[in-house]
């Protein structure tokens, strides 16, 4: 998971919600709960961080 913390291009990162540390990192990063993050990934059928970000930005009611 080191690539996530050091990557300047986080858009190429894939979110693995099965890894507790990674799930916690991305929840903090996006300021969402684990349930909200998982819901976003299910809604877009994609676990790419940039796609999840796009979804969360356009769907503010899902993570307030």
PDB file of N, CA and C in Angstrom:
ATOM      1  N   UNK A   1       0.810  -1.191   0.000  1.00  0.00           N
ATOM      2  CA  UNK A   1       0.000   0.000   0.000  1.00  0.00           C
ATOM      3  C   UNK A   1       0.859   1.263   0.000  1.00  0.00           C
ATOM      4  N   UNK A   2       2.131   1.146   0.066  1.00  0.00           N
ATOM      5  CA  UNK A   2       3.017   2.300   0.073  1.00  0.00           C
ATOM      6  C   UNK A   2       2.775   3.204  -1.126  1.00  0.00           C
ATOM      7  N   UNK A   3       2.422   2.643  -2.255  1.00  0.00           N
ATOM      8  CA  UNK A   3       2.221   3.437  -3.465  1.00  0.00           C
ATOM      9  C   UNK A   3       1.131   4.484  -3.291  1.00  0.00           C
ATOM     10  N   UNK A   4       0.148   4.206  -2.453  1.00  0.00           N
ATOM     11  CA  UNK A   4      -0.938   5.155  -2.224  1.00  0.00           C
ATOM     12  C   UNK A   4      -0.406   6.403  -1.530  1.00  0.00           C
ATOM     13  N   UNK A   5       0.367   6.225  -0.497  1.00  0.00           N
ATOM     14  CA  UNK A   5       0.856   7.360   0.275  1.00  0.00           C
ATOM     15  C   UNK A   5       1.869   8.195  -0.489  1.00  0.00           C
ATOM     16  N   UNK A   6       2.630   7.574  -1.358  1.00  0.00           N
ATOM     17  CA  UNK A   6       3.695   8.284  -2.042  1.00  0.00           C
ATOM     18  C   UNK A   6       3.360   8.645  -3.482  1.00  0.00           C
ATOM     19  N   UNK A   7       2.269   8.191  -3.984  1.00  0.00           N
ATOM     20  CA  UNK A   7       1.938   8.410  -5.385  1.00  0.00           C
ATOM     21  C   UNK A   7       1.445   9.826  -5.625  1.00  0.00           C
ATOM     22  N   UNK A   8       2.023  10.488  -6.615  1.00  0.00           N
ATOM     23  CA  UNK A   8       1.523  11.787  -7.016  1.00  0.00           C
ATOM     24  C   UNK A   8       0.294  11.637  -7.893  1.00  0.00           C
ATOM     25  N   UNK A   9       0.112  10.479  -8.479  1.00  0.00           N
ATOM     26  CA  UNK A   9      -1.017  10.215  -9.371  1.00  0.00           C
ATOM     27  C   UNK A   9      -1.933   9.198  -8.722  1.00  0.00           C
ATOM     28  N   UNK A  10      -2.745   9.639  -7.768  1.00  0.00           N
ATOM     29  CA  UNK A  10      -3.606   8.709  -7.052  1.00  0.00           C
ATOM     30  C   UNK A  10      -4.721   8.167  -7.929  1.00  0.00           C
ATOM     31  N   UNK A  11      -4.918   8.752  -9.126  1.00  0.00           N
ATOM     32  CA  UNK A  11      -5.974   8.283 -10.019  1.00  0.00           C
ATOM     33  C   UNK A  11      -5.731   6.862 -10.500  1.00  0.00           C
ATOM     34  N   UNK A  12      -4.479   6.396 -10.448  1.00  0.00           N
ATOM     35  CA  UNK A  12      -4.197   5.030 -10.886  1.00  0.00           C
ATOM     36  C   UNK A  12      -4.349   4.017  -9.761  1.00  0.00           C
ATOM     37  N   UNK A  13      -4.643   4.487  -8.555  1.00  0.00           N
ATOM     38  CA  UNK A  13      -4.786   3.597  -7.404  1.00  0.00           C
ATOM     39  C   UNK A  13      -6.158   2.931  -7.385  1.00  0.00           C
ATOM     40  N   UNK A  14      -6.130   1.659  -7.087  1.00  0.00           N
ATOM     41  CA  UNK A  14      -7.355   0.900  -6.952  1.00  0.00           C
ATOM     42  C   UNK A  14      -7.625   0.705  -5.460  1.00  0.00           C
ATOM     43  N   UNK A  15      -8.858   0.907  -5.053  1.00  0.00           N
ATOM     44  CA  UNK A  15      -9.227   0.801  -3.652  1.00  0.00           C
ATOM     45  C   UNK A  15      -9.618  -0.642  -3.351  1.00  0.00           C
ATOM     46  N   UNK A  16      -8.949  -1.223  -2.375  1.00  0.00           N
ATOM     47  CA  UNK A  16      -9.245  -2.588  -1.955  1.00  0.00           C
ATOM     48  C   UNK A  16      -9.933  -2.512  -0.588  1.00  0.00           C
ATOM     49  N   UNK A  17     -11.252  -2.601  -0.580  1.00  0.00           N
ATOM     50  CA  UNK A  17     -12.002  -2.474   0.671  1.00  0.00           C
ATOM     51  C   UNK A  17     -11.863  -3.701   1.558  1.00  0.00           C
ATOM     52  N   UNK A  18     -11.228  -4.750   1.076  1.00  0.00           N
ATOM     53  CA  UNK A  18     -10.996  -5.946   1.883  1.00  0.00           C
ATOM     54  C   UNK A  18      -9.789  -5.788   2.805  1.00  0.00           C
ATOM     55  N   UNK A  19      -8.953  -4.807   2.531  1.00  0.00           N
ATOM     56  CA  UNK A  19      -7.776  -4.530   3.350  1.00  0.00           C
ATOM     57  C   UNK A  19      -8.124  -3.421   4.337  1.00  0.00           C
ATOM     58  N   UNK A  20      -8.147  -3.729   5.612  1.00  0.00           N
ATOM     59  CA  UNK A  20      -8.573  -2.786   6.641  1.00  0.00           C
ATOM     60  C   UNK A  20      -7.787  -1.482   6.598  1.00  0.00           C
ATOM     61  N   UNK A  21      -6.480  -1.568   6.497  1.00  0.00           N
ATOM     62  CA  UNK A  21      -5.647  -0.365   6.496  1.00  0.00           C
ATOM     63  C   UNK A  21      -5.944   0.506   5.286  1.00  0.00           C
ATOM     64  N   UNK A  22      -6.122  -0.136   4.155  1.00  0.00           N
ATOM     65  CA  UNK A  22      -6.419   0.603   2.934  1.00  0.00           C
ATOM     66  C   UNK A  22      -7.812   1.228   3.007  1.00  0.00           C
ATOM     67  N   UNK A  23      -8.768   0.483   3.513  1.00  0.00           N
ATOM     68  CA  UNK A  23     -10.121   1.005   3.680  1.00  0.00           C
ATOM     69  C   UNK A  23     -10.098   2.239   4.581  1.00  0.00           C
ATOM     70  N   UNK A  24      -9.395   2.151   5.688  1.00  0.00           N
ATOM     71  CA  UNK A  24      -9.290   3.282   6.613  1.00  0.00           C
ATOM     72  C   UNK A  24      -8.631   4.487   5.940  1.00  0.00           C
ATOM     73  N   UNK A  25      -7.577   4.237   5.170  1.00  0.00           N
ATOM     74  CA  UNK A  25      -6.880   5.323   4.480  1.00  0.00           C
ATOM     75  C   UNK A  25      -7.836   6.060   3.544  1.00  0.00           C
ATOM     76  N   UNK A  26      -8.541   5.307   2.696  1.00  0.00           N
ATOM     77  CA  UNK A  26      -9.411   5.943   1.707  1.00  0.00           C
ATOM     78  C   UNK A  26     -10.626   6.594   2.355  1.00  0.00           C
ATOM     79  N   UNK A  27     -11.123   6.037   3.435  1.00  0.00           N
ATOM     80  CA  UNK A  27     -12.229   6.686   4.148  1.00  0.00           C
ATOM     81  C   UNK A  27     -11.767   8.036   4.688  1.00  0.00           C
ATOM     82  N   UNK A  28     -10.578   8.073   5.265  1.00  0.00           N
ATOM     83  CA  UNK A  28     -10.020   9.344   5.737  1.00  0.00           C
ATOM     84  C   UNK A  28      -9.782  10.298   4.568  1.00  0.00           C
ATOM     85  N   UNK A  29      -9.242   9.766   3.493  1.00  0.00           N
ATOM     86  CA  UNK A  29      -8.928  10.584   2.327  1.00  0.00           C
ATOM     87  C   UNK A  29     -10.174  11.255   1.765  1.00  0.00           C
ATOM     88  N   UNK A  30     -11.254  10.481   1.636  1.00  0.00           N
ATOM     89  CA  UNK A  30     -12.502  11.002   1.066  1.00  0.00           C
ATOM     90  C   UNK A  30     -13.447  11.575   2.120  1.00  0.00           C
ATOM     91  N   UNK A  31     -13.091  11.426   3.399  1.00  0.00           N
ATOM     92  CA  UNK A  31     -13.932  11.892   4.500  1.00  0.00           C
ATOM     93  C   UNK A  31     -15.321  11.245   4.449  1.00  0.00           C
ATOM     94  N   UNK A  32     -15.321   9.917   4.331  1.00  0.00           N
ATOM     95  CA  UNK A  32     -16.558   9.144   4.303  1.00  0.00           C
ATOM     96  C   UNK A  32     -16.428   7.951   5.243  1.00  0.00           C
ATOM     97  N   UNK A  33     -17.550   7.320   5.528  1.00  0.00           N
ATOM     98  CA  UNK A  33     -17.543   6.102   6.333  1.00  0.00           C
ATOM     99  C   UNK A  33     -17.222   4.917   5.430  1.00  0.00           C
ATOM    100  N   UNK A  34     -16.837   3.785   6.017  1.00  0.00           N
ATOM    101  CA  UNK A  34     -16.617   2.589   5.204  1.00  0.00           C
ATOM    102  C   UNK A  34     -17.861   2.199   4.389  1.00  0.00           C
ATOM    103  N   UNK A  35     -19.018   2.344   4.985  1.00  0.00           N
ATOM    104  CA  UNK A  35     -20.254   2.007   4.272  1.00  0.00           C
ATOM    105  C   UNK A  35     -20.463   2.921   3.071  1.00  0.00           C
ATOM    106  N   UNK A  36     -20.193   4.209   3.253  1.00  0.00           N
ATOM    107  CA  UNK A  36     -20.346   5.158   2.152  1.00  0.00           C
ATOM    108  C   UNK A  36     -19.356   4.874   1.032  1.00  0.00           C
ATOM    109  N   UNK A  37     -18.140   4.525   1.387  1.00  0.00           N
ATOM    110  CA  UNK A  37     -17.139   4.201   0.377  1.00  0.00           C
ATOM    111  C   UNK A  37     -17.547   2.955  -0.397  1.00  0.00           C
ATOM    112  N   UNK A  38     -17.979   1.930   0.303  1.00  0.00           N
ATOM    113  CA  UNK A  38     -18.413   0.692  -0.347  1.00  0.00           C
ATOM    114  C   UNK A  38     -19.628   0.940  -1.235  1.00  0.00           C
ATOM    115  N   UNK A  39     -20.545   1.787  -0.782  1.00  0.00           N
ATOM    116  CA  UNK A  39     -21.729   2.123  -1.575  1.00  0.00           C
ATOM    117  C   UNK A  39     -21.330   2.836  -2.861  1.00  0.00           C
ATOM    118  N   UNK A  40     -20.374   3.745  -2.760  1.00  0.00           N
ATOM    119  CA  UNK A  40     -19.899   4.461  -3.948  1.00  0.00           C
ATOM    120  C   UNK A  40     -19.281   3.496  -4.952  1.00  0.00           C
ATOM    121  N   UNK A  41     -18.457   2.588  -4.465  1.00  0.00           N
ATOM    122  CA  UNK A  41     -17.808   1.615  -5.347  1.00  0.00           C
ATOM    123  C   UNK A  41     -18.847   0.724  -6.021  1.00  0.00           C
ATOM    124  N   UNK A  42     -19.840   0.286  -5.267  1.00  0.00           N
ATOM    125  CA  UNK A  42     -20.911  -0.529  -5.855  1.00  0.00           C
ATOM    126  C   UNK A  42     -21.703   0.259  -6.888  1.00  0.00           C
ATOM    127  N   UNK A  43     -21.981   1.521  -6.597  1.00  0.00           N
ATOM    128  CA  UNK A  43     -22.800   2.343  -7.493  1.00  0.00           C
ATOM    129  C   UNK A  43     -22.141   2.550  -8.851  1.00  0.00           C
ATOM    130  N   UNK A  44     -20.821   2.700  -8.846  1.00  0.00           N
ATOM    131  CA  UNK A  44     -20.131   2.961 -10.115  1.00  0.00           C
ATOM    132  C   UNK A  44     -19.487   1.715 -10.713  1.00  0.00           C
ATOM    133  N   UNK A  45     -19.537   0.612  -9.984  1.00  0.00           N
ATOM    134  CA  UNK A  45     -18.953  -0.648 -10.449  1.00  0.00           C
ATOM    135  C   UNK A  45     -17.478  -0.484 -10.793  1.00  0.00           C
ATOM    136  N   UNK A  46     -16.780   0.285  -9.957  1.00  0.00           N
ATOM    137  CA  UNK A  46     -15.372   0.558 -10.206  1.00  0.00           C
ATOM    138  C   UNK A  46     -14.712   0.902  -8.878  1.00  0.00           C
ATOM    139  N   UNK A  47     -13.481   0.460  -8.682  1.00  0.00           N
ATOM    140  CA  UNK A  47     -12.771   0.760  -7.436  1.00  0.00           C
ATOM    141  C   UNK A  47     -11.563   1.652  -7.677  1.00  0.00           C
ATOM    142  N   UNK A  48     -11.517   2.304  -8.827  1.00  0.00           N
ATOM    143  CA  UNK A  48     -10.438   3.254  -9.104  1.00  0.00           C
ATOM    144  C   UNK A  48     -10.687   4.519  -8.288  1.00  0.00           C
ATOM    145  N   UNK A  49      -9.661   4.967  -7.584  1.00  0.00           N
ATOM    146  CA  UNK A  49      -9.812   6.112  -6.692  1.00  0.00           C
ATOM    147  C   UNK A  49     -10.323   7.356  -7.412  1.00  0.00           C
ATOM    148  N   UNK A  50      -9.866   7.595  -8.632  1.00  0.00           N
ATOM    149  CA  UNK A  50     -10.334   8.788  -9.343  1.00  0.00           C
ATOM    150  C   UNK A  50     -11.812   8.693  -9.682  1.00  0.00           C
ATOM    151  N   UNK A  51     -12.283   7.507 -10.024  1.00  0.00           N
ATOM    152  CA  UNK A  51     -13.706   7.320 -10.341  1.00  0.00           C
ATOM    153  C   UNK A  51     -14.567   7.455  -9.091  1.00  0.00           C
ATOM    154  N   UNK A  52     -14.072   6.920  -7.991  1.00  0.00           N
ATOM    155  CA  UNK A  52     -14.794   7.049  -6.719  1.00  0.00           C
ATOM    156  C   UNK A  52     -14.864   8.525  -6.338  1.00  0.00           C
ATOM    157  N   UNK A  53     -13.756   9.242  -6.496  1.00  0.00           N
ATOM    158  CA  UNK A  53     -13.747  10.664  -6.199  1.00  0.00           C
ATOM    159  C   UNK A  53     -14.784  11.402  -7.041  1.00  0.00           C
ATOM    160  N   UNK A  54     -14.822  11.130  -8.336  1.00  0.00           N
ATOM    161  CA  UNK A  54     -15.804  11.771  -9.221  1.00  0.00           C
ATOM    162  C   UNK A  54     -17.219  11.519  -8.720  1.00  0.00           C
ATOM    163  N   UNK A  55     -17.497  10.278  -8.358  1.00  0.00           N
ATOM    164  CA  UNK A  55     -18.825   9.929  -7.868  1.00  0.00           C
ATOM    165  C   UNK A  55     -19.147  10.689  -6.590  1.00  0.00           C
ATOM    166  N   UNK A  56     -18.223  10.696  -5.650  1.00  0.00           N
ATOM    167  CA  UNK A  56     -18.473  11.362  -4.378  1.00  0.00           C
ATOM    168  C   UNK A  56     -18.640  12.865  -4.546  1.00  0.00           C
ATOM    169  N   UNK A  57     -17.933  13.455  -5.468  1.00  0.00           N
ATOM    170  CA  UNK A  57     -18.060  14.878  -5.712  1.00  0.00           C
ATOM    171  C   UNK A  57     -19.417  15.217  -6.329  1.00  0.00           C
ATOM    172  N   UNK A  58     -19.895  14.357  -7.214  1.00  0.00           N
ATOM    173  CA  UNK A  58     -21.170  14.633  -7.896  1.00  0.00           C
ATOM    174  C   UNK A  58     -22.378  14.141  -7.106  1.00  0.00           C
ATOM    175  N   UNK A  59     -22.163  13.360  -6.070  1.00  0.00           N
ATOM    176  CA  UNK A  59     -23.245  12.843  -5.248  1.00  0.00           C
ATOM    177  C   UNK A  59     -23.026  13.261  -3.784  1.00  0.00           C
ATOM    178  N   UNK A  60     -23.083  14.557  -3.484  1.00  0.00           N
ATOM    179  CA  UNK A  60     -22.778  15.012  -2.129  1.00  0.00           C
ATOM    180  C   UNK A  60     -23.683  14.432  -1.047  1.00  0.00           C
ATOM    181  N   UNK A  61     -24.889  14.094  -1.385  1.00  0.00           N
ATOM    182  CA  UNK A  61     -25.803  13.552  -0.368  1.00  0.00           C
ATOM    183  C   UNK A  61     -25.398  12.173   0.099  1.00  0.00           C
ATOM    184  N   UNK A  62     -24.521  11.479  -0.628  1.00  0.00           N
ATOM    185  CA  UNK A  62     -24.103  10.141  -0.241  1.00  0.00           C
ATOM    186  C   UNK A  62     -23.032  10.132   0.835  1.00  0.00           C
ATOM    187  N   UNK A  63     -22.401  11.296   1.087  1.00  0.00           N
ATOM    188  CA  UNK A  63     -21.339  11.296   2.067  1.00  0.00           C
ATOM    189  C   UNK A  63     -21.364  12.506   2.994  1.00  0.00           C
ATOM    190  N   UNK A  64     -22.512  13.047   3.227  1.00  0.00           N
ATOM    191  CA  UNK A  64     -22.626  14.158   4.190  1.00  0.00           C
ATOM    192  C   UNK A  64     -22.749  13.638   5.580  1.00  0.00           C
TER     193      UNK A  64
END
